[in-house]
Amino acid sequence: MRQALAQGPMSQEALLAALHHAGVRTDSSDLYITCATHGLADLHGDSWVPRGWAAPVADAKAPPPVPRPPEPPAARRAAVEVRQLATSIGISMDEPTPPSGPVPAAWAGIAEQAARALHDFGR
């Protein structure tokens, strides 16, 4: 995809044709998910604009930089559903902040005991 978009923006139809010509079988949905997930390009109208691409100074017809596309509605709904499920069973979705300060001297021994217990549990 990066090679196909290396020359700058291209229409969705042209990008799909270039990918098919290169042996990549995909459709417009997979193209959108791949470009959005991996930050390769943004869909502007019917053209894919590579991220970080800047039009040559002499080219006044190039589209302006495009903000990141909105998150697909299905992914947003899934994230909300996961948060609701986690909350309903008492799991926090917030990452805990580790305590700051020195580690107690006995920590290494406690960690060894915990590792041994987990190892023995897995047998």
PDB file of N, CA and C in Angstrom:
ATOM      1  N   MET A   1       0.813  -1.175   0.000  1.00  0.00           N
ATOM      2  CA  MET A   1       0.000   0.000   0.000  1.00  0.00           C
ATOM      3  C   MET A   1       0.864   1.250   0.000  1.00  0.00           C
ATOM      4  N   ARG A   2       1.951   1.195   0.808  1.00  0.00           N
ATOM      5  CA  ARG A   2       2.851   2.351   0.859  1.00  0.00           C
ATOM      6  C   ARG A   2       3.441   2.654  -0.512  1.00  0.00           C
ATOM      7  N   GLN A   3       3.816   1.607  -1.253  1.00  0.00           N
ATOM      8  CA  GLN A   3       4.378   1.820  -2.587  1.00  0.00           C
ATOM      9  C   GLN A   3       3.352   2.454  -3.516  1.00  0.00           C
ATOM     10  N   ALA A   4       2.130   1.985  -3.427  1.00  0.00           N
ATOM     11  CA  ALA A   4       1.084   2.530  -4.297  1.00  0.00           C
ATOM     12  C   ALA A   4       0.810   3.995  -3.972  1.00  0.00           C
ATOM     13  N   LEU A   5       0.903   4.355  -2.694  1.00  0.00           N
ATOM     14  CA  LEU A   5       0.612   5.733  -2.275  1.00  0.00           C
ATOM     15  C   LEU A   5       1.846   6.637  -2.267  1.00  0.00           C
ATOM     16  N   ALA A   6       2.993   6.105  -2.666  1.00  0.00           N
ATOM     17  CA  ALA A   6       4.237   6.876  -2.602  1.00  0.00           C
ATOM     18  C   ALA A   6       4.213   8.120  -3.489  1.00  0.00           C
ATOM     19  N   GLN A   7       3.445   8.092  -4.557  1.00  0.00           N
ATOM     20  CA  GLN A   7       3.402   9.225  -5.479  1.00  0.00           C
ATOM     21  C   GLN A   7       2.428  10.313  -5.037  1.00  0.00           C
ATOM     22  N   GLY A   8       1.664  10.043  -3.997  1.00  0.00           N
ATOM     23  CA  GLY A   8       0.710  11.034  -3.511  1.00  0.00           C
ATOM     24  C   GLY A   8      -0.701  10.495  -3.543  1.00  0.00           C
ATOM     25  N   PRO A   9      -1.677  11.389  -3.378  1.00  0.00           N
ATOM     26  CA  PRO A   9      -3.073  10.977  -3.315  1.00  0.00           C
ATOM     27  C   PRO A   9      -3.510  10.243  -4.581  1.00  0.00           C
ATOM     28  N   MET A  10      -4.377   9.277  -4.383  1.00  0.00           N
ATOM     29  CA  MET A  10      -4.969   8.587  -5.519  1.00  0.00           C
ATOM     30  C   MET A  10      -6.397   8.182  -5.171  1.00  0.00           C
ATOM     31  N   SER A  11      -7.208   8.056  -6.202  1.00  0.00           N
ATOM     32  CA  SER A  11      -8.604   7.694  -5.977  1.00  0.00           C
ATOM     33  C   SER A  11      -8.674   6.286  -5.403  1.00  0.00           C
ATOM     34  N   GLN A  12      -9.766   6.031  -4.708  1.00  0.00           N
ATOM     35  CA  GLN A  12      -9.959   4.703  -4.111  1.00  0.00           C
ATOM     36  C   GLN A  12      -9.951   3.635  -5.199  1.00  0.00           C
ATOM     37  N   GLU A  13     -10.585   3.920  -6.318  1.00  0.00           N
ATOM     38  CA  GLU A  13     -10.637   2.961  -7.427  1.00  0.00           C
ATOM     39  C   GLU A  13      -9.233   2.672  -7.964  1.00  0.00           C
ATOM     40  N   ALA A  14      -8.417   3.718  -8.122  1.00  0.00           N
ATOM     41  CA  ALA A  14      -7.050   3.533  -8.623  1.00  0.00           C
ATOM     42  C   ALA A  14      -6.196   2.776  -7.612  1.00  0.00           C
ATOM     43  N   LEU A  15      -6.368   3.056  -6.324  1.00  0.00           N
ATOM     44  CA  LEU A  15      -5.594   2.364  -5.298  1.00  0.00           C
ATOM     45  C   LEU A  15      -5.972   0.884  -5.255  1.00  0.00           C
ATOM     46  N   LEU A  16      -7.262   0.579  -5.317  1.00  0.00           N
ATOM     47  CA  LEU A  16      -7.695  -0.818  -5.336  1.00  0.00           C
ATOM     48  C   LEU A  16      -7.149  -1.532  -6.575  1.00  0.00           C
ATOM     49  N   ALA A  17      -7.143  -0.842  -7.717  1.00  0.00           N
ATOM     50  CA  ALA A  17      -6.610  -1.441  -8.950  1.00  0.00           C
ATOM     51  C   ALA A  17      -5.107  -1.696  -8.810  1.00  0.00           C
ATOM     52  N   ALA A  18      -4.376  -0.743  -8.230  1.00  0.00           N
ATOM     53  CA  ALA A  18      -2.929  -0.914  -8.045  1.00  0.00           C
ATOM     54  C   ALA A  18      -2.645  -2.083  -7.101  1.00  0.00           C
ATOM     55  N   LEU A  19      -3.440  -2.201  -6.052  1.00  0.00           N
ATOM     56  CA  LEU A  19      -3.247  -3.305  -5.113  1.00  0.00           C
ATOM     57  C   LEU A  19      -3.548  -4.646  -5.773  1.00  0.00           C
ATOM     58  N   HIS A  20      -4.642  -4.707  -6.536  1.00  0.00           N
ATOM     59  CA  HIS A  20      -4.985  -5.949  -7.245  1.00  0.00           C
ATOM     60  C   HIS A  20      -3.884  -6.319  -8.230  1.00  0.00           C
ATOM     61  N   HIS A  21      -3.335  -5.295  -8.916  1.00  0.00           N
ATOM     62  CA  HIS A  21      -2.255  -5.540  -9.868  1.00  0.00           C
ATOM     63  C   HIS A  21      -1.016  -6.097  -9.167  1.00  0.00           C
ATOM     64  N   ALA A  22      -0.801  -5.669  -7.904  1.00  0.00           N
ATOM     65  CA  ALA A  22       0.347  -6.150  -7.119  1.00  0.00           C
ATOM     66  C   ALA A  22       0.061  -7.497  -6.451  1.00  0.00           C
ATOM     67  N   GLY A  23      -1.143  -8.033  -6.655  1.00  0.00           N
ATOM     68  CA  GLY A  23      -1.474  -9.342  -6.096  1.00  0.00           C
ATOM     69  C   GLY A  23      -2.166  -9.290  -4.748  1.00  0.00           C
ATOM     70  N   VAL A  24      -2.550  -8.105  -4.295  1.00  0.00           N
ATOM     71  CA  VAL A  24      -3.243  -7.963  -3.015  1.00  0.00           C
ATOM     72  C   VAL A  24      -4.739  -7.928  -3.286  1.00  0.00           C
ATOM     73  N   ARG A  25      -5.441  -8.903  -2.784  1.00  0.00           N
ATOM     74  CA  ARG A  25      -6.893  -8.962  -2.973  1.00  0.00           C
ATOM     75  C   ARG A  25      -7.567  -8.329  -1.773  1.00  0.00           C
ATOM     76  N   THR A  26      -8.220  -7.213  -1.991  1.00  0.00           N
ATOM     77  CA  THR A  26      -8.882  -6.482  -0.909  1.00  0.00           C
ATOM     78  C   THR A  26     -10.090  -5.760  -1.464  1.00  0.00           C
ATOM     79  N   ASP A  27     -10.916  -5.251  -0.571  1.00  0.00           N
ATOM     80  CA  ASP A  27     -12.055  -4.446  -0.992  1.00  0.00           C
ATOM     81  C   ASP A  27     -11.984  -3.110  -0.260  1.00  0.00           C
ATOM     82  N   SER A  28     -12.951  -2.251  -0.524  1.00  0.00           N
ATOM     83  CA  SER A  28     -12.902  -0.900   0.045  1.00  0.00           C
ATOM     84  C   SER A  28     -12.990  -0.914   1.573  1.00  0.00           C
ATOM     85  N   SER A  29     -13.706  -1.859   2.158  1.00  0.00           N
ATOM     86  CA  SER A  29     -13.806  -1.941   3.619  1.00  0.00           C
ATOM     87  C   SER A  29     -12.463  -2.296   4.241  1.00  0.00           C
ATOM     88  N   ASP A  30     -11.815  -3.334   3.696  1.00  0.00           N
ATOM     89  CA  ASP A  30     -10.504  -3.732   4.206  1.00  0.00           C
ATOM     90  C   ASP A  30      -9.478  -2.623   3.988  1.00  0.00           C
ATOM     91  N   LEU A  31      -9.585  -1.933   2.862  1.00  0.00           N
ATOM     92  CA  LEU A  31      -8.682  -0.826   2.568  1.00  0.00           C
ATOM     93  C   LEU A  31      -8.828   0.257   3.630  1.00  0.00           C
ATOM     94  N   TYR A  32     -10.066   0.612   3.961  1.00  0.00           N
ATOM     95  CA  TYR A  32     -10.305   1.648   4.976  1.00  0.00           C
ATOM     96  C   TYR A  32      -9.747   1.216   6.331  1.00  0.00           C
ATOM     97  N   ILE A  33     -10.057  -0.007   6.735  1.00  0.00           N
ATOM     98  CA  ILE A  33      -9.608  -0.498   8.044  1.00  0.00           C
ATOM     99  C   ILE A  33      -8.084  -0.519   8.105  1.00  0.00           C
ATOM    100  N   THR A  34      -7.438  -1.005   7.055  1.00  0.00           N
ATOM    101  CA  THR A  34      -5.977  -1.083   7.045  1.00  0.00           C
ATOM    102  C   THR A  34      -5.349   0.306   7.101  1.00  0.00           C
ATOM    103  N   CYS A  35      -5.822   1.220   6.267  1.00  0.00           N
ATOM    104  CA  CYS A  35      -5.244   2.566   6.238  1.00  0.00           C
ATOM    105  C   CYS A  35      -5.478   3.302   7.553  1.00  0.00           C
ATOM    106  N   ALA A  36      -6.672   3.165   8.129  1.00  0.00           N
ATOM    107  CA  ALA A  36      -6.983   3.857   9.382  1.00  0.00           C
ATOM    108  C   ALA A  36      -6.240   3.233  10.556  1.00  0.00           C
ATOM    109  N   THR A  37      -6.193   1.910  10.614  1.00  0.00           N
ATOM    110  CA  THR A  37      -5.549   1.220  11.728  1.00  0.00           C
ATOM    111  C   THR A  37      -4.049   1.468  11.751  1.00  0.00           C
ATOM    112  N   HIS A  38      -3.426   1.425  10.593  1.00  0.00           N
ATOM    113  CA  HIS A  38      -1.969   1.549  10.524  1.00  0.00           C
ATOM    114  C   HIS A  38      -1.507   2.970  10.201  1.00  0.00           C
ATOM    115  N   GLY A  39      -2.442   3.905  10.103  1.00  0.00           N
ATOM    116  CA  GLY A  39      -2.074   5.297   9.865  1.00  0.00           C
ATOM    117  C   GLY A  39      -1.384   5.523   8.536  1.00  0.00           C
ATOM    118  N   LEU A  40      -1.783   4.788   7.505  1.00  0.00           N
ATOM    119  CA  LEU A  40      -1.124   4.908   6.209  1.00  0.00           C
ATOM    120  C   LEU A  40      -1.639   6.080   5.388  1.00  0.00           C
ATOM    121  N   ALA A  41      -2.956   6.278   5.404  1.00  0.00           N
ATOM    122  CA  ALA A  41      -3.556   7.308   4.570  1.00  0.00           C
ATOM    123  C   ALA A  41      -4.925   7.680   5.137  1.00  0.00           C
ATOM    124  N   ASP A  42      -5.404   8.839   4.706  1.00  0.00           N
ATOM    125  CA  ASP A  42      -6.728   9.312   5.108  1.00  0.00           C
ATOM    126  C   ASP A  42      -7.604   9.429   3.870  1.00  0.00           C
ATOM    127  N   LEU A  43      -8.858   9.047   4.009  1.00  0.00           N
ATOM    128  CA  LEU A  43      -9.810   9.140   2.904  1.00  0.00           C
ATOM    129  C   LEU A  43     -10.375  10.550   2.883  1.00  0.00           C
ATOM    130  N   HIS A  44     -10.161  11.247   1.769  1.00  0.00           N
ATOM    131  CA  HIS A  44     -10.664  12.604   1.578  1.00  0.00           C
ATOM    132  C   HIS A  44     -11.524  12.594   0.330  1.00  0.00           C
ATOM    133  N   GLY A  45     -12.851  12.591   0.545  1.00  0.00           N
ATOM    134  CA  GLY A  45     -13.752  12.441  -0.592  1.00  0.00           C
ATOM    135  C   GLY A  45     -13.608  11.037  -1.135  1.00  0.00           C
ATOM    136  N   ASP A  46     -13.156  10.908  -2.380  1.00  0.00           N
ATOM    137  CA  ASP A  46     -12.908   9.595  -2.974  1.00  0.00           C
ATOM    138  C   ASP A  46     -11.413   9.356  -3.183  1.00  0.00           C
ATOM    139  N   SER A  47     -10.569  10.180  -2.529  1.00  0.00           N
ATOM    140  CA  SER A  47      -9.122  10.037  -2.694  1.00  0.00           C
ATOM    141  C   SER A  47      -8.458   9.663  -1.384  1.00  0.00           C
ATOM    142  N   TRP A  48      -7.476   8.776  -1.475  1.00  0.00           N
ATOM    143  CA  TRP A  48      -6.663   8.419  -0.323  1.00  0.00           C
ATOM    144  C   TRP A  48      -5.439   9.318  -0.327  1.00  0.00           C
ATOM    145  N   VAL A  49      -5.234  10.048   0.772  1.00  0.00           N
ATOM    146  CA  VAL A  49      -4.109  10.966   0.918  1.00  0.00           C
ATOM    147  C   VAL A  49      -3.140  10.340   1.915  1.00  0.00           C
ATOM    148  N   PRO A  50      -1.909  10.007   1.479  1.00  0.00           N
ATOM    149  CA  PRO A  50      -0.958   9.389   2.399  1.00  0.00           C
ATOM    150  C   PRO A  50      -0.669  10.303   3.589  1.00  0.00           C
ATOM    151  N   ARG A  51      -0.533   9.714   4.783  1.00  0.00           N
ATOM    152  CA  ARG A  51      -0.198  10.500   5.972  1.00  0.00           C
ATOM    153  C   ARG A  51       1.186  11.099   5.781  1.00  0.00           C
ATOM    154  N   GLY A  52       1.317  12.365   6.113  1.00  0.00           N
ATOM    155  CA  GLY A  52       2.595  13.047   6.017  1.00  0.00           C
ATOM    156  C   GLY A  52       2.911  13.547   4.618  1.00  0.00           C
ATOM    157  N   TRP A  53       2.009  13.316   3.662  1.00  0.00           N
ATOM    158  CA  TRP A  53       2.256  13.750   2.300  1.00  0.00           C
ATOM    159  C   TRP A  53       2.002  15.243   2.198  1.00  0.00           C
ATOM    160  N   ALA A  54       2.893  15.932   1.536  1.00  0.00           N
ATOM    161  CA  ALA A  54       2.716  17.356   1.296  1.00  0.00           C
ATOM    162  C   ALA A  54       2.798  17.591  -0.198  1.00  0.00           C
ATOM    163  N   ALA A  55       1.873  18.380  -0.713  1.00  0.00           N
ATOM    164  CA  ALA A  55       1.860  18.676  -2.136  1.00  0.00           C
ATOM    165  C   ALA A  55       3.077  19.519  -2.493  1.00  0.00           C
ATOM    166  N   PRO A  56       3.631  19.303  -3.683  1.00  0.00           N
ATOM    167  CA  PRO A  56       4.719  20.188  -4.120  1.00  0.00           C
ATOM    168  C   PRO A  56       4.241  21.632  -4.105  1.00  0.00           C
ATOM    169  N   VAL A  57       5.140  22.550  -3.859  1.00  0.00           N
ATOM    170  CA  VAL A  57       4.785  23.967  -3.732  1.00  0.00           C
ATOM    171  C   VAL A  57       4.096  24.485  -4.984  1.00  0.00           C
ATOM    172  N   ALA A  58       4.500  24.033  -6.151  1.00  0.00           N
ATOM    173  CA  ALA A  58       3.920  24.521  -7.397  1.00  0.00           C
ATOM    174  C   ALA A  58       2.526  23.956  -7.653  1.00  0.00           C
ATOM    175  N   ASP A  59       2.127  22.922  -6.936  1.00  0.00           N
ATOM    176  CA  ASP A  59       0.842  22.271  -7.170  1.00  0.00           C
ATOM    177  C   ASP A  59      -0.227  22.889  -6.271  1.00  0.00           C
ATOM    178  N   ALA A  60      -0.964  23.849  -6.804  1.00  0.00           N
ATOM    179  CA  ALA A  60      -1.987  24.542  -6.018  1.00  0.00           C
ATOM    180  C   ALA A  60      -3.284  23.748  -5.940  1.00  0.00           C
ATOM    181  N   LYS A  61      -3.444  22.694  -6.754  1.00  0.00           N
ATOM    182  CA  LYS A  61      -4.684  21.932  -6.781  1.00  0.00           C
ATOM    183  C   LYS A  61      -4.713  20.800  -5.765  1.00  0.00           C
ATOM    184  N   ALA A  62      -3.621  20.549  -5.087  1.00  0.00           N
ATOM    185  CA  ALA A  62      -3.580  19.429  -4.137  1.00  0.00           C
ATOM    186  C   ALA A  62      -4.527  19.696  -2.976  1.00  0.00           C
ATOM    187  N   PRO A  63      -5.178  18.651  -2.488  1.00  0.00           N
ATOM    188  CA  PRO A  63      -6.090  18.838  -1.359  1.00  0.00           C
ATOM    189  C   PRO A  63      -5.315  19.226  -0.100  1.00  0.00           C
ATOM    190  N   PRO A  64      -5.948  19.998   0.781  1.00  0.00           N
ATOM    191  CA  PRO A  64      -5.272  20.381   2.022  1.00  0.00           C
ATOM    192  C   PRO A  64      -5.089  19.163   2.918  1.00  0.00           C
ATOM    193  N   PRO A  65      -4.179  19.253   3.898  1.00  0.00           N
ATOM    194  CA  PRO A  65      -4.018  18.122   4.817  1.00  0.00           C
ATOM    195  C   PRO A  65      -5.353  17.790   5.461  1.00  0.00           C
ATOM    196  N   VAL A  66      -5.583  16.519   5.642  1.00  0.00           N
ATOM    197  CA  VAL A  66      -6.862  16.048   6.150  1.00  0.00           C
ATOM    198  C   VAL A  66      -6.681  15.539   7.572  1.00  0.00           C
ATOM    199  N   PRO A  67      -7.596  15.901   8.478  1.00  0.00           N
ATOM    200  CA  PRO A  67      -7.492  15.352   9.832  1.00  0.00           C
ATOM    201  C   PRO A  67      -7.743  13.852   9.816  1.00  0.00           C
ATOM    202  N   ARG A  68      -7.312  13.191  10.888  1.00  0.00           N
ATOM    203  CA  ARG A  68      -7.493  11.740  11.013  1.00  0.00           C
ATOM    204  C   ARG A  68      -8.972  11.395  10.857  1.00  0.00           C
ATOM    205  N   PRO A  69      -9.285  10.341  10.091  1.00  0.00           N
ATOM    206  CA  PRO A  69     -10.694   9.999   9.887  1.00  0.00           C
ATOM    207  C   PRO A  69     -11.341   9.599  11.212  1.00  0.00           C
ATOM    208  N   PRO A  70     -12.640   9.832  11.316  1.00  0.00           N
ATOM    209  CA  PRO A  70     -13.309   9.448  12.557  1.00  0.00           C
ATOM    210  C   PRO A  70     -13.268   7.936  12.742  1.00  0.00           C
ATOM    211  N   GLU A  71     -13.327   7.536  13.997  1.00  0.00           N
ATOM    212  CA  GLU A  71     -13.324   6.110  14.316  1.00  0.00           C
ATOM    213  C   GLU A  71     -14.584   5.482  13.729  1.00  0.00           C
ATOM    214  N   PRO A  72     -14.453   4.319  13.100  1.00  0.00           N
ATOM    215  CA  PRO A  72     -15.654   3.686  12.547  1.00  0.00           C
ATOM    216  C   PRO A  72     -16.684   3.451  13.650  1.00  0.00           C
ATOM    217  N   PRO A  73     -17.963   3.676  13.350  1.00  0.00           N
ATOM    218  CA  PRO A  73     -19.007   3.519  14.362  1.00  0.00           C
ATOM    219  C   PRO A  73     -19.002   2.155  15.042  1.00  0.00           C
ATOM    220  N   ALA A  74     -18.716   1.090  14.318  1.00  0.00           N
ATOM    221  CA  ALA A  74     -18.726  -0.243  14.925  1.00  0.00           C
ATOM    222  C   ALA A  74     -17.655  -0.355  16.000  1.00  0.00           C
ATOM    223  N   ALA A  75     -16.472   0.202  15.744  1.00  0.00           N
ATOM    224  CA  ALA A  75     -15.390   0.146  16.734  1.00  0.00           C
ATOM    225  C   ALA A  75     -15.762   0.968  17.971  1.00  0.00           C
ATOM    226  N   ARG A  76     -16.411   2.090  17.763  1.00  0.00           N
ATOM    227  CA  ARG A  76     -16.827   2.935  18.880  1.00  0.00           C
ATOM    228  C   ARG A  76     -17.871   2.209  19.730  1.00  0.00           C
ATOM    229  N   ARG A  77     -18.830   1.581  19.057  1.00  0.00           N
ATOM    230  CA  ARG A  77     -19.863   0.836  19.796  1.00  0.00           C
ATOM    231  C   ARG A  77     -19.233  -0.324  20.557  1.00  0.00           C
ATOM    232  N   ALA A  78     -18.278  -1.009  19.939  1.00  0.00           N
ATOM    233  CA  ALA A  78     -17.616  -2.129  20.604  1.00  0.00           C
ATOM    234  C   ALA A  78     -16.862  -1.657  21.840  1.00  0.00           C
ATOM    235  N   ALA A  79     -16.185  -0.515  21.753  1.00  0.00           N
ATOM    236  CA  ALA A  79     -15.446   0.014  22.899  1.00  0.00           C
ATOM    237  C   ALA A  79     -16.389   0.361  24.045  1.00  0.00           C
ATOM    238  N   VAL A  80     -17.525   0.952  23.716  1.00  0.00           N
ATOM    239  CA  VAL A  80     -18.519   1.283  24.746  1.00  0.00           C
ATOM    240  C   VAL A  80     -19.059   0.009  25.378  1.00  0.00           C
ATOM    241  N   GLU A  81     -19.335  -0.996  24.566  1.00  0.00           N
ATOM    242  CA  GLU A  81     -19.873  -2.257  25.082  1.00  0.00           C
ATOM    243  C   GLU A  81     -18.862  -2.959  25.994  1.00  0.00           C
ATOM    244  N   VAL A  82     -17.596  -2.954  25.606  1.00  0.00           N
ATOM    245  CA  VAL A  82     -16.556  -3.571  26.438  1.00  0.00           C
ATOM    246  C   VAL A  82     -16.460  -2.851  27.779  1.00  0.00           C
ATOM    247  N   ARG A  83     -16.504  -1.512  27.745  1.00  0.00           N
ATOM    248  CA  ARG A  83     -16.444  -0.738  28.993  1.00  0.00           C
ATOM    249  C   ARG A  83     -17.643  -1.062  29.882  1.00  0.00           C
ATOM    250  N   GLN A  84     -18.835  -1.160  29.297  1.00  0.00           N
ATOM    251  CA  GLN A  84     -20.029  -1.478  30.087  1.00  0.00           C
ATOM    252  C   GLN A  84     -19.938  -2.873  30.692  1.00  0.00           C
ATOM    253  N   LEU A  85     -19.474  -3.846  29.903  1.00  0.00           N
ATOM    254  CA  LEU A  85     -19.327  -5.204  30.425  1.00  0.00           C
ATOM    255  C   LEU A  85     -18.307  -5.250  31.559  1.00  0.00           C
ATOM    256  N   ALA A  86     -17.186  -4.584  31.377  1.00  0.00           N
ATOM    257  CA  ALA A  86     -16.155  -4.575  32.417  1.00  0.00           C
ATOM    258  C   ALA A  86     -16.686  -3.928  33.692  1.00  0.00           C
ATOM    259  N   THR A  87     -17.399  -2.836  33.542  1.00  0.00           N
ATOM    260  CA  THR A  87     -17.954  -2.149  34.705  1.00  0.00           C
ATOM    261  C   THR A  87     -18.985  -3.033  35.411  1.00  0.00           C
ATOM    262  N   SER A  88     -19.789  -3.764  34.636  1.00  0.00           N
ATOM    263  CA  SER A  88     -20.840  -4.591  35.237  1.00  0.00           C
ATOM    264  C   SER A  88     -20.279  -5.732  36.083  1.00  0.00           C
ATOM    265  N   ILE A  89     -19.041  -6.173  35.792  1.00  0.00           N
ATOM    266  CA  ILE A  89     -18.445  -7.237  36.604  1.00  0.00           C
ATOM    267  C   ILE A  89     -17.355  -6.709  37.537  1.00  0.00           C
ATOM    268  N   GLY A  90     -17.268  -5.395  37.634  1.00  0.00           N
ATOM    269  CA  GLY A  90     -16.369  -4.794  38.607  1.00  0.00           C
ATOM    270  C   GLY A  90     -14.925  -4.652  38.174  1.00  0.00           C
ATOM    271  N   ILE A  91     -14.658  -4.695  36.871  1.00  0.00           N
ATOM    272  CA  ILE A  91     -13.291  -4.514  36.378  1.00  0.00           C
ATOM    273  C   ILE A  91     -13.133  -3.071  35.912  1.00  0.00           C
ATOM    274  N   SER A  92     -12.117  -2.429  36.420  1.00  0.00           N
ATOM    275  CA  SER A  92     -11.851  -1.048  36.017  1.00  0.00           C
ATOM    276  C   SER A  92     -11.150  -1.030  34.670  1.00  0.00           C
ATOM    277  N   MET A  93     -11.529  -0.131  33.807  1.00  0.00           N
ATOM    278  CA  MET A  93     -10.868   0.014  32.510  1.00  0.00           C
ATOM    279  C   MET A  93      -9.703   0.991  32.595  1.00  0.00           C
ATOM    280  N   ASP A  94      -9.529   1.623  33.739  1.00  0.00           N
ATOM    281  CA  ASP A  94      -8.438   2.569  33.911  1.00  0.00           C
ATOM    282  C   ASP A  94      -7.181   1.821  34.336  1.00  0.00           C
ATOM    283  N   GLU A  95      -6.069   2.190  33.732  1.00  0.00           N
ATOM    284  CA  GLU A  95      -4.793   1.567  34.078  1.00  0.00           C
ATOM    285  C   GLU A  95      -4.381   2.072  35.455  1.00  0.00           C
ATOM    286  N   PRO A  96      -4.036   1.167  36.365  1.00  0.00           N
ATOM    287  CA  PRO A  96      -3.602   1.619  37.681  1.00  0.00           C
ATOM    288  C   PRO A  96      -2.242   2.309  37.588  1.00  0.00           C
ATOM    289  N   THR A  97      -2.053   3.284  38.432  1.00  0.00           N
ATOM    290  CA  THR A  97      -0.779   3.986  38.494  1.00  0.00           C
ATOM    291  C   THR A  97       0.079   3.291  39.537  1.00  0.00           C
ATOM    292  N   PRO A  98       1.254   2.834  39.144  1.00  0.00           N
ATOM    293  CA  PRO A  98       2.096   2.151  40.121  1.00  0.00           C
ATOM    294  C   PRO A  98       2.546   3.127  41.205  1.00  0.00           C
ATOM    295  N   PRO A  99       2.713   2.635  42.414  1.00  0.00           N
ATOM    296  CA  PRO A  99       3.153   3.525  43.473  1.00  0.00           C
ATOM    297  C   PRO A  99       4.568   4.028  43.200  1.00  0.00           C
ATOM    298  N   SER A 100       4.804   5.242  43.606  1.00  0.00           N
ATOM    299  CA  SER A 100       6.147   5.783  43.434  1.00  0.00           C
ATOM    300  C   SER A 100       6.905   5.634  44.745  1.00  0.00           C
ATOM    301  N   GLY A 101       8.178   5.587  44.652  1.00  0.00           N
ATOM    302  CA  GLY A 101       8.998   5.476  45.853  1.00  0.00           C
ATOM    303  C   GLY A 101       9.869   4.249  45.790  1.00  0.00           C
ATOM    304  N   PRO A 102      10.670   4.051  46.795  1.00  0.00           N
ATOM    305  CA  PRO A 102      11.598   2.914  46.790  1.00  0.00           C
ATOM    306  C   PRO A 102      10.864   1.584  46.951  1.00  0.00           C
ATOM    307  N   VAL A 103      11.459   0.545  46.409  1.00  0.00           N
ATOM    308  CA  VAL A 103      10.915  -0.807  46.511  1.00  0.00           C
ATOM    309  C   VAL A 103      11.414  -1.402  47.829  1.00  0.00           C
ATOM    310  N   PRO A 104      10.525  -2.054  48.604  1.00  0.00           N
ATOM    311  CA  PRO A 104      10.967  -2.663  49.860  1.00  0.00           C
ATOM    312  C   PRO A 104      12.075  -3.686  49.618  1.00  0.00           C
ATOM    313  N   ALA A 105      12.966  -3.840  50.566  1.00  0.00           N
ATOM    314  CA  ALA A 105      14.107  -4.745  50.423  1.00  0.00           C
ATOM    315  C   ALA A 105      13.662  -6.202  50.227  1.00  0.00           C
ATOM    316  N   ALA A 106      12.529  -6.581  50.792  1.00  0.00           N
ATOM    317  CA  ALA A 106      12.064  -7.969  50.711  1.00  0.00           C
ATOM    318  C   ALA A 106      11.371  -8.273  49.386  1.00  0.00           C
ATOM    319  N   TRP A 107      11.295  -7.298  48.513  1.00  0.00           N
ATOM    320  CA  TRP A 107      10.537  -7.466  47.272  1.00  0.00           C
ATOM    321  C   TRP A 107      11.064  -8.612  46.425  1.00  0.00           C
ATOM    322  N   ALA A 108      12.372  -8.734  46.282  1.00  0.00           N
ATOM    323  CA  ALA A 108      12.936  -9.782  45.420  1.00  0.00           C
ATOM    324  C   ALA A 108      12.534 -11.172  45.914  1.00  0.00           C
ATOM    325  N   GLY A 109      12.573 -11.395  47.229  1.00  0.00           N
ATOM    326  CA  GLY A 109      12.179 -12.693  47.784  1.00  0.00           C
ATOM    327  C   GLY A 109      10.705 -12.968  47.570  1.00  0.00           C
ATOM    328  N   ILE A 110       9.881 -11.955  47.728  1.00  0.00           N
ATOM    329  CA  ILE A 110       8.436 -12.111  47.529  1.00  0.00           C
ATOM    330  C   ILE A 110       8.143 -12.422  46.059  1.00  0.00           C
ATOM    331  N   ALA A 111       8.849 -11.753  45.160  1.00  0.00           N
ATOM    332  CA  ALA A 111       8.657 -12.002  43.725  1.00  0.00           C
ATOM    333  C   ALA A 111       9.055 -13.428  43.369  1.00  0.00           C
ATOM    334  N   GLU A 112      10.148 -13.920  43.948  1.00  0.00           N
ATOM    335  CA  GLU A 112      10.569 -15.301  43.702  1.00  0.00           C
ATOM    336  C   GLU A 112       9.509 -16.287  44.187  1.00  0.00           C
ATOM    337  N   GLN A 113       8.945 -16.041  45.367  1.00  0.00           N
ATOM    338  CA  GLN A 113       7.922 -16.924  45.912  1.00  0.00           C
ATOM    339  C   GLN A 113       6.683 -16.924  45.014  1.00  0.00           C
ATOM    340  N   ALA A 114       6.313 -15.735  44.557  1.00  0.00           N
ATOM    341  CA  ALA A 114       5.140 -15.631  43.679  1.00  0.00           C
ATOM    342  C   ALA A 114       5.385 -16.375  42.369  1.00  0.00           C
ATOM    343  N   ALA A 115       6.587 -16.218  41.797  1.00  0.00           N
ATOM    344  CA  ALA A 115       6.911 -16.906  40.547  1.00  0.00           C
ATOM    345  C   ALA A 115       6.895 -18.415  40.753  1.00  0.00           C
ATOM    346  N   ARG A 116       7.442 -18.873  41.864  1.00  0.00           N
ATOM    347  CA  ARG A 116       7.458 -20.298  42.156  1.00  0.00           C
ATOM    348  C   ARG A 116       6.029 -20.823  42.301  1.00  0.00           C
ATOM    349  N   ALA A 117       5.187 -20.067  43.009  1.00  0.00           N
ATOM    350  CA  ALA A 117       3.802 -20.480  43.207  1.00  0.00           C
ATOM    351  C   ALA A 117       3.063 -20.563  41.864  1.00  0.00           C
ATOM    352  N   LEU A 118       3.268 -19.589  40.998  1.00  0.00           N
ATOM    353  CA  LEU A 118       2.624 -19.620  39.689  1.00  0.00           C
ATOM    354  C   LEU A 118       3.125 -20.796  38.858  1.00  0.00           C
ATOM    355  N   HIS A 119       4.402 -21.050  38.938  1.00  0.00           N
ATOM    356  CA  HIS A 119       4.985 -22.187  38.204  1.00  0.00           C
ATOM    357  C   HIS A 119       4.390 -23.501  38.706  1.00  0.00           C
ATOM    358  N   ASP A 120       4.324 -23.652  40.022  1.00  0.00           N
ATOM    359  CA  ASP A 120       3.771 -24.871  40.601  1.00  0.00           C
ATOM    360  C   ASP A 120       2.274 -25.013  40.279  1.00  0.00           C
ATOM    361  N   PHE A 121       1.570 -23.898  40.248  1.00  0.00           N
ATOM    362  CA  PHE A 121       0.144 -23.909  39.939  1.00  0.00           C
ATOM    363  C   PHE A 121      -0.099 -24.380  38.499  1.00  0.00           C
ATOM    364  N   GLY A 122       0.821 -24.025  37.604  1.00  0.00           N
ATOM    365  CA  GLY A 122       0.665 -24.368  36.202  1.00  0.00           C
ATOM    366  C   GLY A 122       0.952 -25.816  35.877  1.00  0.00           C
ATOM    367  N   ARG A 123       1.463 -26.574  36.805  1.00  0.00           N
ATOM    368  CA  ARG A 123       1.805 -27.980  36.534  1.00  0.00           C
ATOM    369  C   ARG A 123       0.613 -28.849  36.453  1.00  0.00           C
TER     370      ARG A 123
END
